[in-house]
Protein backbone atom coordinates (compact mmCIF):
# COMPACT_ATOMS: atom_id res chain seq x y z
CA MET A 1 40.28 12.13 21.74
CA LEU A 2 37.74 12.35 18.97
CA ILE A 3 34.97 15.10 19.51
CA ASP A 4 31.66 14.53 17.84
CA ASN A 5 30.24 17.72 16.05
CA TYR A 6 26.72 17.69 16.24
CA ASP A 7 23.56 18.90 17.95
CA LYS A 8 20.76 16.77 19.66
CA LEU A 9 16.91 17.36 19.04
CA ILE A 10 15.04 15.09 21.46
CA TYR A 11 11.21 14.63 21.58
CA GLN A 12 9.95 12.79 24.49
CA ARG A 13 6.00 12.15 24.95
CA GLY A 14 4.58 11.23 28.13
CA GLY A 15 1.38 9.46 29.13
CA LYS A 16 0.08 6.19 28.43
CA THR A 17 0.44 5.81 24.50
CA LYS A 18 1.45 3.04 22.09
CA GLU A 19 3.16 5.79 20.13
CA ALA A 20 6.85 6.61 19.90
CA LYS A 21 8.00 7.58 23.37
CA ALA A 22 11.20 9.35 22.64
CA ILE A 23 12.78 10.43 19.11
CA ASP A 24 16.21 11.42 19.13
CA PHE A 25 18.10 13.18 16.22
CA LYS A 26 21.71 13.80 16.25
CA ILE A 27 22.15 16.88 13.93
CA PRO A 28 25.55 17.65 12.22
CA ASN A 29 26.54 21.27 12.83
CA ASP A 30 26.98 21.99 9.12
CA MET A 31 23.47 21.11 8.33
CA THR A 32 21.58 23.31 6.01
CA CYS A 33 18.12 24.84 6.70
CA GLU A 34 16.68 22.68 4.00
CA GLU A 35 18.20 19.58 5.63
CA PHE A 36 16.91 20.59 9.02
CA ARG A 37 13.48 21.01 7.33
CA VAL A 38 13.52 17.41 6.11
CA ILE A 39 14.53 16.20 9.68
CA CYS A 40 11.55 18.15 11.20
CA ILE A 41 9.18 16.55 8.51
CA ARG A 42 10.65 13.05 9.26
CA MET A 43 9.97 13.77 12.98
CA ALA A 44 6.46 14.74 12.56
CA LEU A 45 5.85 11.61 10.52
CA ALA A 46 7.48 9.41 12.92
CA LEU A 47 5.36 10.98 15.70
CA GLY A 48 2.08 9.92 13.71
CA TYR A 49 1.03 13.05 12.05
CA HIS A 50 -0.74 12.29 9.00
CA GLU A 51 1.06 13.05 5.84
CA ASN A 52 -1.54 15.54 4.42
CA THR A 53 -1.21 17.48 7.89
CA VAL A 54 2.50 17.43 7.67
CA ARG A 55 2.35 18.43 3.96
CA ASP A 56 -0.14 21.21 4.69
CA THR A 57 2.31 22.65 7.40
CA PHE A 58 5.73 22.32 5.73
CA GLY A 59 4.49 22.45 2.10
CA ASN A 60 5.70 20.00 -0.49
CA ILE A 61 7.67 17.17 1.03
CA PRO A 62 10.98 16.65 -1.01
CA ASP A 63 11.67 12.99 -1.75
CA LYS A 64 15.00 12.32 -3.98
CA ASN A 65 14.19 8.58 -3.66
CA LYS A 66 10.60 8.49 -4.92
CA GLU A 67 11.47 7.16 -8.44
CA LYS A 68 14.08 4.58 -6.95
CA ASP A 69 11.57 3.39 -4.57
CA LYS A 70 8.87 3.15 -7.02
CA LYS A 71 11.07 0.93 -9.19
CA GLN A 72 12.00 -1.14 -5.98
CA LEU A 73 8.26 -1.83 -5.24
CA ARG A 74 7.43 -2.76 -8.92
CA LEU A 75 10.38 -5.26 -8.68
CA LEU A 76 8.89 -6.62 -5.35
CA LEU A 77 5.40 -6.81 -6.75
CA ASP A 78 6.18 -8.32 -10.35
């Protein structure tokens, strides 16, 4: 029998909204605090919080793929 080693972080929104109704993260038990911080940032952005608000709250948002994404966008637009 295979047992998954993870915790779950679930956000559910009530009411009539066209925003995300539920966000469900499966978080590995061996996740570092920095990795958990990134998950929280992603959840805040997915919930529709403005990037400036998220940055003000969490500080600088790490993005290891920023340069890679810029190159991909350049290829797409050229």
